PDB file of N, CA and C in Angstrom:
ATOM      1  N   MET A   1      -7.433  11.884   4.996  1.00  0.00           N
ATOM      2  CA  MET A   1      -6.697  12.341   6.162  1.00  0.00           C
ATOM      3  C   MET A   1      -5.211  12.081   5.961  1.00  0.00           C
ATOM      4  N   THR A   2      -4.370  13.008   6.312  1.00  0.00           N
ATOM      5  CA  THR A   2      -2.937  12.884   6.193  1.00  0.00           C
ATOM      6  C   THR A   2      -2.422  11.899   7.234  1.00  0.00           C
ATOM      7  N   LYS A   3      -1.467  11.068   6.830  1.00  0.00           N
ATOM      8  CA  LYS A   3      -0.869  10.109   7.762  1.00  0.00           C
ATOM      9  C   LYS A   3       0.144  10.833   8.642  1.00  0.00           C
ATOM     10  N   PHE A   4       0.031  10.633   9.935  1.00  0.00           N
ATOM     11  CA  PHE A   4       0.960  11.209  10.893  1.00  0.00           C
ATOM     12  C   PHE A   4       1.632  10.080  11.648  1.00  0.00           C
ATOM     13  N   ASN A   5       2.708  10.417  12.333  1.00  0.00           N
ATOM     14  CA  ASN A   5       3.315   9.410  13.172  1.00  0.00           C
ATOM     15  C   ASN A   5       2.461   9.214  14.425  1.00  0.00           C
ATOM     16  N   PHE A   6       2.776   8.211  15.186  1.00  0.00           N
ATOM     17  CA  PHE A   6       1.958   7.832  16.338  1.00  0.00           C
ATOM     18  C   PHE A   6       1.750   8.989  17.308  1.00  0.00           C
ATOM     19  N   GLU A   7       2.811   9.685  17.645  1.00  0.00           N
ATOM     20  CA  GLU A   7       2.724  10.770  18.622  1.00  0.00           C
ATOM     21  C   GLU A   7       1.823  11.901  18.134  1.00  0.00           C
ATOM     22  N   LYS A   8       1.940  12.249  16.858  1.00  0.00           N
ATOM     23  CA  LYS A   8       1.099  13.311  16.310  1.00  0.00           C
ATOM     24  C   LYS A   8      -0.361  12.883  16.277  1.00  0.00           C
ATOM     25  N   GLN A   9      -0.594  11.622  15.927  1.00  0.00           N
ATOM     26  CA  GLN A   9      -1.974  11.129  15.905  1.00  0.00           C
ATOM     27  C   GLN A   9      -2.570  11.132  17.310  1.00  0.00           C
ATOM     28  N   LEU A  10      -1.790  10.707  18.282  1.00  0.00           N
ATOM     29  CA  LEU A  10      -2.273  10.690  19.660  1.00  0.00           C
ATOM     30  C   LEU A  10      -2.556  12.104  20.153  1.00  0.00           C
ATOM     31  N   SER A  11      -1.683  13.034  19.808  1.00  0.00           N
ATOM     32  CA  SER A  11      -1.881  14.431  20.179  1.00  0.00           C
ATOM     33  C   SER A  11      -3.161  14.977  19.544  1.00  0.00           C
ATOM     34  N   ARG A  12      -3.372  14.650  18.278  1.00  0.00           N
ATOM     35  CA  ARG A  12      -4.595  15.101  17.596  1.00  0.00           C
ATOM     36  C   ARG A  12      -5.833  14.502  18.257  1.00  0.00           C
ATOM     37  N   LEU A  13      -5.770  13.239  18.646  1.00  0.00           N
ATOM     38  CA  LEU A  13      -6.898  12.604  19.327  1.00  0.00           C
ATOM     39  C   LEU A  13      -7.189  13.300  20.654  1.00  0.00           C
ATOM     40  N   GLU A  14      -6.150  13.686  21.369  1.00  0.00           N
ATOM     41  CA  GLU A  14      -6.332  14.416  22.628  1.00  0.00           C
ATOM     42  C   GLU A  14      -6.977  15.780  22.386  1.00  0.00           C
ATOM     43  N   GLU A  15      -6.598  16.445  21.292  1.00  0.00           N
ATOM     44  CA  GLU A  15      -7.220  17.720  20.928  1.00  0.00           C
ATOM     45  C   GLU A  15      -8.708  17.532  20.649  1.00  0.00           C
ATOM     46  N   ILE A  16      -9.014  16.478  19.931  1.00  0.00           N
ATOM     47  CA  ILE A  16     -10.413  16.198  19.597  1.00  0.00           C
ATOM     48  C   ILE A  16     -11.223  15.967  20.865  1.00  0.00           C
ATOM     49  N   VAL A  17     -10.700  15.177  21.779  1.00  0.00           N
ATOM     50  CA  VAL A  17     -11.403  14.911  23.031  1.00  0.00           C
ATOM     51  C   VAL A  17     -11.652  16.214  23.786  1.00  0.00           C
ATOM     52  N   ALA A  18     -10.637  17.070  23.840  1.00  0.00           N
ATOM     53  CA  ALA A  18     -10.791  18.348  24.536  1.00  0.00           C
ATOM     54  C   ALA A  18     -11.879  19.202  23.890  1.00  0.00           C
ATOM     55  N   LYS A  19     -11.902  19.236  22.548  1.00  0.00           N
ATOM     56  CA  LYS A  19     -12.917  20.025  21.851  1.00  0.00           C
ATOM     57  C   LYS A  19     -14.317  19.453  22.071  1.00  0.00           C
ATOM     58  N   LEU A  20     -14.420  18.131  22.097  1.00  0.00           N
ATOM     59  CA  LEU A  20     -15.718  17.507  22.322  1.00  0.00           C
ATOM     60  C   LEU A  20     -16.231  17.762  23.742  1.00  0.00           C
ATOM     61  N   GLU A  21     -15.313  17.962  24.662  1.00  0.00           N
ATOM     62  CA  GLU A  21     -15.715  18.236  26.044  1.00  0.00           C
ATOM     63  C   GLU A  21     -16.164  19.677  26.245  1.00  0.00           C
ATOM     64  N   GLU A  22     -15.828  20.552  25.305  1.00  0.00           N
ATOM     65  CA  GLU A  22     -16.255  21.944  25.386  1.00  0.00           C
ATOM     66  C   GLU A  22     -17.739  22.043  25.071  1.00  0.00           C
ATOM     67  N   GLU A  23     -18.447  22.804  25.841  1.00  0.00           N
ATOM     68  CA  GLU A  23     -19.891  22.931  25.630  1.00  0.00           C
ATOM     69  C   GLU A  23     -20.233  23.774  24.408  1.00  0.00           C
ATOM     70  N   GLN A  24     -19.347  24.666  23.962  1.00  0.00           N
ATOM     71  CA  GLN A  24     -19.671  25.549  22.855  1.00  0.00           C
ATOM     72  C   GLN A  24     -19.458  24.913  21.481  1.00  0.00           C
ATOM     73  N   THR A  25     -18.980  23.670  21.415  1.00  0.00           N
ATOM     74  CA  THR A  25     -18.821  23.004  20.130  1.00  0.00           C
ATOM     75  C   THR A  25     -20.199  22.611  19.618  1.00  0.00           C
ATOM     76  N   ASP A  26     -20.534  23.059  18.396  1.00  0.00           N
ATOM     77  CA  ASP A  26     -21.877  22.763  17.872  1.00  0.00           C
ATOM     78  C   ASP A  26     -21.988  21.302  17.443  1.00  0.00           C
ATOM     79  N   LEU A  27     -23.198  20.867  17.209  1.00  0.00           N
ATOM     80  CA  LEU A  27     -23.480  19.460  16.931  1.00  0.00           C
ATOM     81  C   LEU A  27     -22.779  18.966  15.669  1.00  0.00           C
ATOM     82  N   ASP A  28     -22.853  19.731  14.583  1.00  0.00           N
ATOM     83  CA  ASP A  28     -22.218  19.302  13.333  1.00  0.00           C
ATOM     84  C   ASP A  28     -20.713  19.143  13.487  1.00  0.00           C
ATOM     85  N   ALA A  29     -20.092  20.119  14.140  1.00  0.00           N
ATOM     86  CA  ALA A  29     -18.650  20.049  14.372  1.00  0.00           C
ATOM     87  C   ALA A  29     -18.312  18.872  15.282  1.00  0.00           C
ATOM     88  N   SER A  30     -19.159  18.633  16.280  1.00  0.00           N
ATOM     89  CA  SER A  30     -18.933  17.518  17.201  1.00  0.00           C
ATOM     90  C   SER A  30     -18.975  16.178  16.476  1.00  0.00           C
ATOM     91  N   VAL A  31     -19.917  16.033  15.554  1.00  0.00           N
ATOM     92  CA  VAL A  31     -20.029  14.784  14.799  1.00  0.00           C
ATOM     93  C   VAL A  31     -18.790  14.564  13.939  1.00  0.00           C
ATOM     94  N   LYS A  32     -18.332  15.616  13.271  1.00  0.00           N
ATOM     95  CA  LYS A  32     -17.126  15.499  12.438  1.00  0.00           C
ATOM     96  C   LYS A  32     -15.905  15.162  13.293  1.00  0.00           C
ATOM     97  N   LEU A  33     -15.788  15.832  14.430  1.00  0.00           N
ATOM     98  CA  LEU A  33     -14.674  15.546  15.334  1.00  0.00           C
ATOM     99  C   LEU A  33     -14.748  14.111  15.853  1.00  0.00           C
ATOM    100  N   PHE A  34     -15.947  13.674  16.185  1.00  0.00           N
ATOM    101  CA  PHE A  34     -16.121  12.313  16.682  1.00  0.00           C
ATOM    102  C   PHE A  34     -15.702  11.297  15.631  1.00  0.00           C
ATOM    103  N   GLU A  35     -16.120  11.510  14.379  1.00  0.00           N
ATOM    104  CA  GLU A  35     -15.741  10.611  13.291  1.00  0.00           C
ATOM    105  C   GLU A  35     -14.228  10.561  13.119  1.00  0.00           C
ATOM    106  N   GLU A  36     -13.589  11.725  13.159  1.00  0.00           N
ATOM    107  CA  GLU A  36     -12.129  11.769  13.037  1.00  0.00           C
ATOM    108  C   GLU A  36     -11.480  11.050  14.217  1.00  0.00           C
ATOM    109  N   GLY A  37     -12.039  11.256  15.399  1.00  0.00           N
ATOM    110  CA  GLY A  37     -11.501  10.603  16.596  1.00  0.00           C
ATOM    111  C   GLY A  37     -11.602   9.093  16.532  1.00  0.00           C
ATOM    112  N   VAL A  38     -12.719   8.591  16.027  1.00  0.00           N
ATOM    113  CA  VAL A  38     -12.891   7.143  15.898  1.00  0.00           C
ATOM    114  C   VAL A  38     -11.869   6.577  14.918  1.00  0.00           C
ATOM    115  N   THR A  39     -11.688   7.262  13.796  1.00  0.00           N
ATOM    116  CA  THR A  39     -10.704   6.829  12.800  1.00  0.00           C
ATOM    117  C   THR A  39      -9.300   6.810  13.395  1.00  0.00           C
ATOM    118  N   LEU A  40      -8.934   7.883  14.087  1.00  0.00           N
ATOM    119  CA  LEU A  40      -7.615   7.948  14.721  1.00  0.00           C
ATOM    120  C   LEU A  40      -7.451   6.846  15.759  1.00  0.00           C
ATOM    121  N   SER A  41      -8.476   6.626  16.536  1.00  0.00           N
ATOM    122  CA  SER A  41      -8.427   5.602  17.574  1.00  0.00           C
ATOM    123  C   SER A  41      -8.172   4.221  16.973  1.00  0.00           C
ATOM    124  N   LYS A  42      -8.839   3.912  15.872  1.00  0.00           N
ATOM    125  CA  LYS A  42      -8.634   2.626  15.203  1.00  0.00           C
ATOM    126  C   LYS A  42      -7.209   2.503  14.674  1.00  0.00           C
ATOM    127  N   GLU A  43      -6.714   3.573  14.044  1.00  0.00           N
ATOM    128  CA  GLU A  43      -5.352   3.547  13.499  1.00  0.00           C
ATOM    129  C   GLU A  43      -4.324   3.373  14.614  1.00  0.00           C
ATOM    130  N   LEU A  44      -4.512   4.087  15.719  1.00  0.00           N
ATOM    131  CA  LEU A  44      -3.588   3.974  16.846  1.00  0.00           C
ATOM    132  C   LEU A  44      -3.621   2.574  17.444  1.00  0.00           C
ATOM    133  N   SER A  45      -4.798   1.998  17.562  1.00  0.00           N
ATOM    134  CA  SER A  45      -4.923   0.638  18.094  1.00  0.00           C
ATOM    135  C   SER A  45      -4.211  -0.365  17.194  1.00  0.00           C
ATOM    136  N   GLN A  46      -4.358  -0.199  15.886  1.00  0.00           N
ATOM    137  CA  GLN A  46      -3.686  -1.098  14.944  1.00  0.00           C
ATOM    138  C   GLN A  46      -2.172  -0.972  15.062  1.00  0.00           C
ATOM    139  N   LYS A  47      -1.691   0.267  15.186  1.00  0.00           N
ATOM    140  CA  LYS A  47      -0.243   0.471  15.330  1.00  0.00           C
ATOM    141  C   LYS A  47       0.268  -0.175  16.610  1.00  0.00           C
ATOM    142  N   LEU A  48      -0.477  -0.028  17.691  1.00  0.00           N
ATOM    143  CA  LEU A  48      -0.065  -0.636  18.956  1.00  0.00           C
ATOM    144  C   LEU A  48      -0.035  -2.153  18.859  1.00  0.00           C
ATOM    145  N   GLU A  49      -1.005  -2.739  18.195  1.00  0.00           N
ATOM    146  CA  GLU A  49      -1.024  -4.194  18.010  1.00  0.00           C
ATOM    147  C   GLU A  49       0.175  -4.651  17.185  1.00  0.00           C
ATOM    148  N   THR A  50       0.507  -3.880  16.141  1.00  0.00           N
ATOM    149  CA  THR A  50       1.659  -4.213  15.306  1.00  0.00           C
ATOM    150  C   THR A  50       2.952  -4.161  16.123  1.00  0.00           C
ATOM    151  N   VAL A  51       3.098  -3.121  16.911  1.00  0.00           N
ATOM    152  CA  VAL A  51       4.296  -2.974  17.740  1.00  0.00           C
ATOM    153  C   VAL A  51       4.350  -4.101  18.777  1.00  0.00           C
ATOM    154  N   LYS A  52       3.212  -4.398  19.378  1.00  0.00           N
ATOM    155  CA  LYS A  52       3.156  -5.477  20.370  1.00  0.00           C
ATOM    156  C   LYS A  52       3.603  -6.794  19.742  1.00  0.00           C
ATOM    157  N   PHE A  53       3.127  -7.083  18.534  1.00  0.00           N
ATOM    158  CA  PHE A  53       3.507  -8.302  17.828  1.00  0.00           C
ATOM    159  C   PHE A  53       5.011  -8.331  17.566  1.00  0.00           C
ATOM    160  N   LYS A  54       5.547  -7.197  17.099  1.00  0.00           N
ATOM    161  CA  LYS A  54       6.987  -7.130  16.805  1.00  0.00           C
ATOM    162  C   LYS A  54       7.815  -7.351  18.060  1.00  0.00           C
ATOM    163  N   VAL A  55       7.405  -6.737  19.166  1.00  0.00           N
ATOM    164  CA  VAL A  55       8.136  -6.899  20.429  1.00  0.00           C
ATOM    165  C   VAL A  55       8.100  -8.358  20.877  1.00  0.00           C
ATOM    166  N   GLU A  56       6.931  -8.990  20.766  1.00  0.00           N
ATOM    167  CA  GLU A  56       6.826 -10.401  21.150  1.00  0.00           C
ATOM    168  C   GLU A  56       7.716 -11.281  20.285  1.00  0.00           C
ATOM    169  N   GLU A  57       7.772 -10.983  18.987  1.00  0.00           N
ATOM    170  CA  GLU A  57       8.633 -11.756  18.093  1.00  0.00           C
ATOM    171  C   GLU A  57      10.108 -11.554  18.440  1.00  0.00           C
ATOM    172  N   LEU A  58      10.483 -10.318  18.729  1.00  0.00           N
ATOM    173  CA  LEU A  58      11.877 -10.050  19.101  1.00  0.00           C
ATOM    174  C   LEU A  58      12.240 -10.745  20.399  1.00  0.00           C
ATOM    175  N   LYS A  59      11.307 -10.768  21.339  1.00  0.00           N
ATOM    176  CA  LYS A  59      11.563 -11.451  22.608  1.00  0.00           C
ATOM    177  C   LYS A  59      11.749 -12.950  22.381  1.00  0.00           C
ATOM    178  N   LYS A  60      10.943 -13.530  21.487  1.00  0.00           N
ATOM    179  CA  LYS A  60      11.090 -14.954  21.181  1.00  0.00           C
ATOM    180  C   LYS A  60      12.440 -15.228  20.538  1.00  0.00           C
ATOM    181  N   LYS A  61      12.799 -14.393  19.573  1.00  0.00           N
ATOM    182  CA  LYS A  61      14.081 -14.575  18.892  1.00  0.00           C
ATOM    183  C   LYS A  61      15.231 -14.385  19.863  1.00  0.00           C
ATOM    184  N   GLY A  62      15.108 -13.406  20.753  1.00  0.00           N
ATOM    185  CA  GLY A  62      16.155 -13.156  21.742  1.00  0.00           C
ATOM    186  C   GLY A  62      16.342 -14.332  22.671  1.00  0.00           C
ATOM    187  N   ALA A  63      15.267 -14.984  23.046  1.00  0.00           N
ATOM    188  CA  ALA A  63      15.345 -16.138  23.925  1.00  0.00           C
ATOM    189  C   ALA A  63      15.989 -17.321  23.205  1.00  0.00           C
ATOM    190  N   GLU A  64      15.829 -17.375  21.884  1.00  0.00           N
ATOM    191  CA  GLU A  64      16.393 -18.475  21.107  1.00  0.00           C
ATOM    192  C   GLU A  64      17.851 -18.237  20.736  1.00  0.00           C
ATOM    193  N   MET A  65      18.307 -16.999  20.820  1.00  0.00           N
ATOM    194  CA  MET A  65      19.686 -16.686  20.440  1.00  0.00           C
ATOM    195  C   MET A  65      20.646 -17.301  21.449  1.00  0.00           C
ATOM    196  N   MET A  66      21.728 -17.800  20.932  1.00  0.00           N
ATOM    197  CA  MET A  66      22.746 -18.363  21.812  1.00  0.00           C
ATOM    198  C   MET A  66      24.018 -17.550  21.622  1.00  0.00           C
ATOM    199  N   THR A  67      24.682 -17.305  22.698  1.00  0.00           N
ATOM    200  CA  THR A  67      25.936 -16.571  22.588  1.00  0.00           C
ATOM    201  C   THR A  67      27.050 -17.540  22.217  1.00  0.00           C
ATOM    202  N   GLU A  68      28.003 -17.010  21.483  1.00  0.00           N
ATOM    203  CA  GLU A  68      29.160 -17.805  21.091  1.00  0.00           C
ATOM    204  C   GLU A  68      30.389 -17.173  21.707  1.00  0.00           C
ATOM    205  N   PRO A  69      31.349 -17.989  22.081  1.00  0.00           N
ATOM    206  CA  PRO A  69      32.572 -17.410  22.654  1.00  0.00           C
ATOM    207  C   PRO A  69      33.308 -16.580  21.617  1.00  0.00           C
ATOM    208  N   PHE A  70      33.940 -15.527  22.096  1.00  0.00           N
ATOM    209  CA  PHE A  70      34.702 -14.639  21.231  1.00  0.00           C
ATOM    210  C   PHE A  70      35.951 -15.354  20.750  1.00  0.00           C
ATOM    211  N   ASP A  71      36.171 -15.365  19.443  1.00  0.00           N
ATOM    212  CA  ASP A  71      37.329 -16.035  18.862  1.00  0.00           C
ATOM    213  C   ASP A  71      38.504 -15.067  18.873  1.00  0.00           C
ATOM    214  N   THR A  72      39.406 -15.265  19.795  1.00  0.00           N
ATOM    215  CA  THR A  72      40.539 -14.352  19.945  1.00  0.00           C
ATOM    216  C   THR A  72      41.520 -14.457  18.782  1.00  0.00           C
ATOM    217  N   ASP A  73      41.512 -15.575  18.060  1.00  0.00           N
ATOM    218  CA  ASP A  73      42.408 -15.732  16.923  1.00  0.00           C
ATOM    219  C   ASP A  73      42.031 -14.785  15.780  1.00  0.00           C
ATOM    220  N   LEU A  74      40.749 -14.390  15.715  1.00  0.00           N
ATOM    221  CA  LEU A  74      40.289 -13.514  14.648  1.00  0.00           C
ATOM    222  C   LEU A  74      40.388 -12.042  15.039  1.00  0.00           C
ATOM    223  N   ALA A  75      40.640 -11.768  16.299  1.00  0.00           N
ATOM    224  CA  ALA A  75      40.699 -10.378  16.771  1.00  0.00           C
ATOM    225  C   ALA A  75      41.988  -9.711  16.317  1.00  0.00           C
ATOM    226  N   GLU A  76      41.919  -8.404  16.098  1.00  0.00           N
ATOM    227  CA  GLU A  76      43.104  -7.648  15.708  1.00  0.00           C
ATOM    228  C   GLU A  76      43.965  -7.384  16.936  1.00  0.00           C
ATOM    229  N   ASP A  77      45.255  -7.348  16.734  1.00  0.00           N
ATOM    230  CA  ASP A  77      46.138  -6.987  17.851  1.00  0.00           C
ATOM    231  C   ASP A  77      46.236  -5.473  17.934  1.00  0.00           C
ATOM    232  N   GLU A  78      47.100  -4.986  18.810  1.00  0.00           N
ATOM    233  CA  GLU A  78      47.253  -3.537  19.015  1.00  0.00           C
ATOM    234  C   GLU A  78      47.671  -2.810  17.751  1.00  0.00           C
ATOM    235  N   ASN A  79      48.352  -3.469  16.827  1.00  0.00           N
ATOM    236  CA  ASN A  79      48.833  -2.846  15.599  1.00  0.00           C
ATOM    237  C   ASN A  79      47.817  -2.961  14.464  1.00  0.00           C
ATOM    238  N   GLY A  80      46.640  -3.487  14.749  1.00  0.00           N
ATOM    239  CA  GLY A  80      45.612  -3.601  13.725  1.00  0.00           C
ATOM    240  C   GLY A  80      45.811  -4.795  12.821  1.00  0.00           C
ATOM    241  N   LYS A  81      46.606  -5.758  13.245  1.00  0.00           N
ATOM    242  CA  LYS A  81      46.869  -6.952  12.425  1.00  0.00           C
ATOM    243  C   LYS A  81      46.158  -8.152  12.991  1.00  0.00           C
TER     244      LYS A  81
END
């Protein structure tokens, strides 16, 4: 299966669900769609967990960051000096 970004994978999963809900989809096609849907669902869940972890880490780092006063001696004046 080709790797897609999160949005494309989610869109494909929604397509699969819609096709599975159609009564005219035959059994063999339904099984293949279901298998693809399960695979996509697992990949999407893993991506969400990864993003959740990254956000939590950034929040921790942000809470630990301390601001420092701006050093006006190092700032450039109006003439760029």
